[in-house]
Structures are given as C-alpha cells and as structure tokens.
Amino acid sequence: MLRVRVIPCLLLRNGGLVKTVKFGAATYVGDPINAVRIFNEKEVDELVFLDIGASPERGPNFSLLADIASEAFMPFAYGGGIASIDHVKRLFGLGVEKVVMNTAAWSNASLISQAAALAGSSSVVVSIDVRVNWRGKYTVHVQGGKTDTMRDPVEYALNMQQIGAGEILLNAIHKDGTMEGYDLELVRRVAAAVTIPVVAVGGAGRLAHFRDAVANGASAVAAGSFFVFHGKHKAVLITYPSYAELEQVLGSSED
C-alpha cells in the first residue's frame, strides 16, 4: 500500500469534465463518467470532484453525482455549490465519502461544524485557494478565486481545523494547471501549522513534484492536468501512473 495518497482532482462544469490554468477559462476535456471508468480500471484509491460551475443558489448537480457514485469503485469527495446541511446530508446519502467546502467555509463557517457533527471531521474537507502577490504575501481567495478574503492561509487553516475540518485541500491558484510544480513554501507553512492532513494541489506535472510536496509536509497529493493531459501538446488522455512508478517515488507504508 502506498504511503501517500495520490488523488486525481477533477473539475466539473455543466456536467462535463474541464481543466483550468490559474483559474482561467475552463477547457472541456471529456465526460466525467468515462473518466471514472478509466480510473476504476487503473485502481485509483480516491477521487475528488470540484464543480466550478455550481452555485449556492442552484446547489450541487445531484443527478450527475448519483451517476458518478453508481460507477465509481473508489471513494470520492465532492465540492461545489454546497450551501446547507441539507445539501451535505443529501451528498452523503448518495455515497459521497467527503464533502469539500470552500466559499461556504468562509461565508458560513458553522456549516463546517454542523457537517463534522453529522458525519465526523474525517468526512469534512476545507478547500483553501491561495494567491501570492508581488511582495510574496499569501492570501485566501474564495468564490472561484475572485474574492480576496485578506486572510492568511496559515491562520485560516488553523481556524478551519478548530471548527471541525478533518482535512485541508490546499490549492495555489498561481500554480493551477501550469504543471511546473507545487508552491512548496505554501505547503510547508500550512502543513507545519496544522495537525490534520494537508492535500497539496495545483501545479503537479511529473512524479517528482509529488515527492517534493510530501518532503515539505503534505500528507497527500492531488493533481488535475497531470492525470488528463499527455505530452508537450497536452493531448487529452485520462491516465494514472502504475503502482510501481508511484511506489518508486513515494515509497509504501511497509517501508
């Protein structure tokens, strides 16, 4: 068994699978159900779906998630448009293992505590999207990266842990889709401050990047482009490294 979870993080919009670069225009890359079937064959341990087109007003696309749940052989987490504890209950009822909250964690922090009370902290993930300015200052952004909360990500992550989050999905917006590597300084700062798992996402382009993130404190690694693009021309190809490749880079729990 791998020592570190390696998680495809897939973006949804209008029922399709998309990919962004630095949270910019979303490029369609395929059908999510087809992707799930491929990841089943690759024996992926865990998936994350984030619906970047969902809104609190419309809520999650429950019918699509029901289809995904019926196809997925692995546990998966979902985020996007979650605005109430009823949404959370319905997601868990469909078979979603973990709920991921981003804007809701900022605008309605009590929802984190409610969800943790309902299903346990291990089922509640707070997604923290971070930008860095020209002076090197990190701040948390919400609403698809459009709104700067002016909150420091370390302080924010600590607060989320205190109110019930069991995991942090830490995304560097300025690294998203670049495939140039994670923001290791950001990973290091947040992972050193909290005691819950930090999942690094944003920037992975090769296996060595996973190792770098773990060396800087990440408990798990997630990626999007790495699993959906292939080659220098970024042809769409849903794939996942072999166990042997991952074990060589990350080791196993038997080490």
Protein backbone atom coordinates (compact mmCIF):
# COMPACT_ATOMS: atom_id res chain seq x y z
CA MET A 1 0.00 0.00 0.00
CA LEU A 2 1.30 3.44 -0.89
CA ARG A 3 2.47 5.59 1.98
CA VAL A 4 0.94 8.69 0.38
CA ARG A 5 -2.47 9.13 -1.25
CA VAL A 6 -2.23 10.28 -4.88
CA ILE A 7 -5.58 11.75 -5.87
CA PRO A 8 -6.96 12.87 -9.24
CA CYS A 9 -8.73 16.19 -8.67
CA LEU A 10 -11.29 16.64 -11.43
CA LEU A 11 -13.16 19.82 -12.29
CA LEU A 12 -16.79 19.74 -13.40
CA ARG A 13 -18.73 22.38 -15.27
CA ASN A 14 -22.18 21.99 -16.82
CA GLY A 15 -21.92 18.22 -16.48
CA GLY A 16 -18.59 17.97 -18.29
CA LEU A 17 -15.00 17.49 -17.22
CA VAL A 18 -12.91 20.65 -17.63
CA LYS A 19 -9.45 21.97 -16.80
CA THR A 20 -8.29 25.47 -15.95
CA VAL A 21 -4.96 27.28 -15.85
CA LYS A 22 -4.59 29.68 -12.92
CA PHE A 23 -8.38 29.51 -12.50
CA GLY A 24 -8.81 30.98 -16.01
CA ALA A 25 -11.06 29.84 -18.84
CA ALA A 26 -12.14 26.23 -18.48
CA THR A 27 -11.24 23.86 -21.32
CA TYR A 28 -13.51 20.86 -21.91
CA VAL A 29 -11.58 17.60 -21.57
CA GLY A 30 -14.24 14.91 -21.56
CA ASP A 31 -17.05 13.06 -19.89
CA PRO A 32 -16.73 12.53 -16.13
CA ILE A 33 -18.35 9.10 -16.21
CA ASN A 34 -15.85 7.91 -18.79
CA ALA A 35 -13.04 9.27 -16.62
CA VAL A 36 -14.39 7.40 -13.60
CA ARG A 37 -14.45 4.15 -15.57
CA ILE A 38 -10.83 4.63 -16.62
CA PHE A 39 -9.77 5.39 -13.06
CA ASN A 40 -11.64 2.27 -11.94
CA GLU A 41 -9.50 0.23 -14.34
CA LYS A 42 -6.37 1.96 -13.04
CA GLU A 43 -7.40 1.01 -9.48
CA VAL A 44 -7.20 4.58 -8.20
CA ASP A 45 -7.82 4.73 -4.45
CA GLU A 46 -9.63 8.06 -4.23
CA LEU A 47 -11.06 10.88 -6.40
CA VAL A 48 -12.02 14.49 -5.81
CA PHE A 49 -14.67 16.24 -7.91
CA LEU A 50 -15.00 20.02 -7.72
CA ASP A 51 -17.88 21.58 -9.63
CA ILE A 52 -16.63 25.05 -10.56
CA GLY A 53 -19.91 25.87 -12.25
CA ALA A 54 -22.10 25.13 -9.24
CA SER A 55 -23.53 27.94 -7.13
CA PRO A 56 -25.14 28.14 -3.68
CA GLU A 57 -28.40 29.13 -5.40
CA ARG A 58 -28.54 26.04 -7.63
CA GLY A 59 -26.66 23.70 -5.31
CA PRO A 60 -24.77 20.57 -6.40
CA ASN A 61 -25.73 18.60 -9.51
CA PHE A 62 -27.16 15.68 -7.56
CA SER A 63 -28.23 13.67 -10.61
CA LEU A 64 -24.71 13.73 -12.06
CA LEU A 65 -23.24 12.82 -8.67
CA ALA A 66 -25.66 9.90 -8.38
CA ASP A 67 -24.40 8.66 -11.75
CA ILE A 68 -20.78 9.08 -10.65
CA ALA A 69 -21.47 7.26 -7.38
CA SER A 70 -23.05 4.36 -9.25
CA GLU A 71 -19.95 3.99 -11.45
CA ALA A 72 -17.11 4.71 -9.02
CA PHE A 73 -15.41 1.72 -7.39
CA MET A 74 -13.43 4.07 -5.16
CA PRO A 75 -14.45 6.63 -2.53
CA PHE A 76 -14.73 10.19 -3.76
CA ALA A 77 -15.02 13.66 -2.33
CA TYR A 78 -17.22 16.40 -3.77
CA GLY A 79 -17.22 20.18 -3.57
CA GLY A 80 -19.20 22.89 -5.33
CA GLY A 81 -22.40 24.76 -4.53
CA ILE A 82 -22.73 23.27 -1.03
CA ALA A 83 -24.69 25.82 0.98
CA SER A 84 -26.64 23.96 3.68
CA ILE A 85 -26.58 20.97 5.96
CA ASP A 86 -29.38 19.52 3.82
CA HIS A 87 -27.00 19.57 0.85
CA VAL A 88 -24.41 17.79 2.99
CA LYS A 89 -26.90 15.13 4.11
CA ARG A 90 -28.04 14.52 0.55
CA LEU A 91 -24.45 14.16 -0.68
CA PHE A 92 -23.62 11.62 2.00
CA GLY A 93 -26.84 9.83 1.16
CA LEU A 94 -25.72 9.48 -2.46
CA GLY A 95 -22.50 7.83 -1.36
CA VAL A 96 -20.11 10.79 -1.37
CA GLU A 97 -17.45 9.98 1.23
CA LYS A 98 -16.22 13.52 1.90
CA VAL A 99 -17.70 16.96 1.35
CA VAL A 100 -15.36 19.73 0.25
CA MET A 101 -16.24 23.29 1.21
CA ASN A 102 -14.55 26.45 0.04
CA THR A 103 -16.70 29.58 -0.21
CA ALA A 104 -19.17 28.08 2.27
CA ALA A 105 -16.38 27.65 4.82
CA TRP A 106 -15.73 31.37 4.61
CA SER A 107 -19.29 32.67 4.40
CA ASN A 108 -20.95 30.16 6.75
CA ALA A 109 -18.27 28.63 8.98
CA SER A 110 -20.91 26.99 11.20
CA LEU A 111 -21.62 24.62 8.31
CA ILE A 112 -18.21 23.06 8.88
CA SER A 113 -19.09 22.31 12.49
CA GLN A 114 -22.53 21.00 11.52
CA ALA A 115 -21.11 18.68 8.89
CA ALA A 116 -18.45 17.42 11.31
CA ALA A 117 -21.12 16.74 13.93
CA LEU A 118 -23.17 14.86 11.34
CA ALA A 119 -20.50 12.62 9.83
CA GLY A 120 -17.24 13.18 11.71
CA SER A 121 -14.36 15.53 10.92
CA SER A 122 -12.71 12.96 8.66
CA SER A 123 -15.57 13.47 6.19
CA VAL A 124 -15.20 17.27 6.07
CA VAL A 125 -12.58 18.86 3.82
CA VAL A 126 -11.95 22.59 3.59
CA SER A 127 -10.54 23.68 0.26
CA ILE A 128 -8.27 26.71 0.60
CA ASP A 129 -7.43 28.59 -2.59
CA VAL A 130 -4.43 30.88 -2.22
CA ARG A 131 -2.84 33.61 -4.32
CA VAL A 132 0.55 35.23 -3.74
CA ASN A 133 1.13 38.88 -4.61
CA TRP A 134 4.26 40.52 -5.99
CA ARG A 135 5.52 41.08 -2.44
CA GLY A 136 5.27 37.38 -1.66
CA LYS A 137 2.24 37.70 0.60
CA TYR A 138 -0.23 34.81 0.55
CA THR A 139 -3.97 35.41 0.97
CA VAL A 140 -7.00 33.11 0.85
CA HIS A 141 -9.39 33.64 -2.06
CA VAL A 142 -12.96 32.37 -2.41
CA GLN A 143 -15.77 32.44 -4.98
CA GLY A 144 -13.67 30.73 -7.62
CA GLY A 145 -10.61 32.78 -6.77
CA LYS A 146 -12.38 36.08 -7.46
CA THR A 147 -12.69 37.39 -3.89
CA ASP A 148 -9.67 38.12 -1.70
CA THR A 149 -10.61 37.47 1.91
CA MET A 150 -7.32 39.07 3.07
CA ARG A 151 -6.93 36.10 5.40
CA ASP A 152 -3.54 34.49 5.88
CA PRO A 153 -3.72 30.82 4.81
CA VAL A 154 -1.92 29.54 7.92
CA GLU A 155 -4.25 31.34 10.30
CA TYR A 156 -7.24 30.37 8.16
CA ALA A 157 -6.29 26.69 8.08
CA LEU A 158 -5.85 26.66 11.85
CA ASN A 159 -9.29 28.21 12.26
CA MET A 160 -10.86 25.61 9.95
CA GLN A 161 -9.21 22.82 11.93
CA GLN A 162 -10.56 24.24 15.17
CA ILE A 163 -14.15 24.35 13.94
CA GLY A 164 -14.19 20.80 12.61
CA ALA A 165 -12.37 20.35 9.32
CA GLY A 166 -10.60 16.99 9.14
CA GLU A 167 -8.52 17.75 6.06
CA ILE A 168 -7.24 20.73 4.09
CA LEU A 169 -7.15 20.76 0.29
CA LEU A 170 -4.53 23.43 -0.32
CA ASN A 171 -4.54 24.96 -3.79
CA ALA A 172 -2.10 27.57 -5.12
CA ILE A 173 -4.09 29.46 -7.75
CA HIS A 174 -0.92 30.82 -9.37
CA LYS A 175 0.25 27.23 -9.92
CA ASP A 176 -3.06 25.75 -11.12
CA GLY A 177 -2.67 23.96 -14.45
CA THR A 178 0.92 25.10 -15.00
CA MET A 179 2.43 21.63 -14.39
CA GLU A 180 5.55 23.40 -13.06
CA GLY A 181 5.38 22.06 -9.50
CA TYR A 182 3.56 22.90 -6.30
CA ASP A 183 4.10 26.07 -4.27
CA LEU A 184 6.30 24.32 -1.74
CA GLU A 185 6.65 27.31 0.56
CA LEU A 186 2.86 27.49 0.92
CA VAL A 187 2.64 23.74 1.54
CA ARG A 188 5.39 23.90 4.13
CA ARG A 189 3.84 26.79 6.05
CA VAL A 190 0.34 25.35 6.27
CA ALA A 191 1.37 21.74 6.91
CA ALA A 192 3.67 22.82 9.74
CA ALA A 193 0.85 24.72 11.46
CA VAL A 194 -2.00 22.18 11.47
CA THR A 195 -2.27 18.62 12.74
CA ILE A 196 -4.86 17.45 10.19
CA PRO A 197 -3.81 16.14 6.75
CA VAL A 198 -2.91 18.71 4.10
CA VAL A 199 -3.51 17.65 0.50
CA ALA A 200 -1.37 19.68 -1.90
CA VAL A 201 -2.91 20.58 -5.25
CA GLY A 202 -2.03 22.97 -8.04
CA GLY A 203 0.97 22.58 -10.28
CA ALA A 204 1.94 18.91 -10.47
CA GLY A 205 3.44 17.98 -13.82
CA ARG A 206 5.62 14.98 -13.04
CA LEU A 207 6.04 12.34 -10.36
CA ALA A 208 8.95 14.16 -8.70
CA HIS A 209 6.59 17.02 -7.85
CA PHE A 210 4.59 14.63 -5.65
CA ARG A 211 7.75 13.72 -3.76
CA ASP A 212 8.62 17.41 -3.34
CA ALA A 213 5.22 18.19 -1.81
CA VAL A 214 5.47 15.29 0.64
CA ALA A 215 9.00 16.34 1.60
CA ASN A 216 7.55 19.73 2.51
CA GLY A 217 4.82 18.34 4.76
CA ALA A 218 1.93 17.33 2.53
CA SER A 219 0.10 14.24 3.78
CA ALA A 220 -1.32 13.57 0.31
CA VAL A 221 -1.05 14.97 -3.19
CA ALA A 222 -3.69 15.79 -5.77
CA ALA A 223 -3.48 16.89 -9.38
CA GLY A 224 -5.65 17.61 -12.39
CA SER A 225 -3.65 18.25 -15.57
CA PHE A 226 -1.17 15.52 -14.70
CA PHE A 227 -3.94 12.93 -14.99
CA VAL A 228 -5.80 14.31 -18.02
CA PHE A 229 -3.10 15.64 -20.39
CA HIS A 230 -0.30 13.83 -22.16
CA GLY A 231 2.80 15.10 -23.97
CA LYS A 232 4.07 18.57 -24.79
CA HIS A 233 0.96 19.34 -26.85
CA LYS A 234 -1.30 18.40 -23.94
CA ALA A 235 -3.40 15.85 -25.78
CA VAL A 236 -6.29 14.70 -23.60
CA LEU A 237 -5.57 11.28 -22.17
CA ILE A 238 -7.07 10.14 -18.88
CA THR A 239 -4.33 8.16 -17.17
CA TYR A 240 -2.74 7.28 -13.85
CA PRO A 241 0.78 6.04 -13.01
CA SER A 242 1.33 2.40 -12.18
CA TYR A 243 1.65 1.35 -8.56
CA ALA A 244 5.29 0.51 -9.19
CA GLU A 245 6.00 4.02 -10.51
CA LEU A 246 4.34 5.66 -7.53
CA GLU A 247 6.00 3.34 -5.06
CA GLN A 248 9.41 4.13 -6.53
CA VAL A 249 8.85 7.86 -5.97
CA LEU A 250 6.80 7.86 -2.78
CA GLY A 251 7.51 4.52 -1.08
CA SER A 252 4.98 2.25 0.58
CA SER A 253 3.55 2.05 4.09
CA GLU A 254 5.65 -1.07 4.66
CA ASP A 255 8.87 0.99 4.47
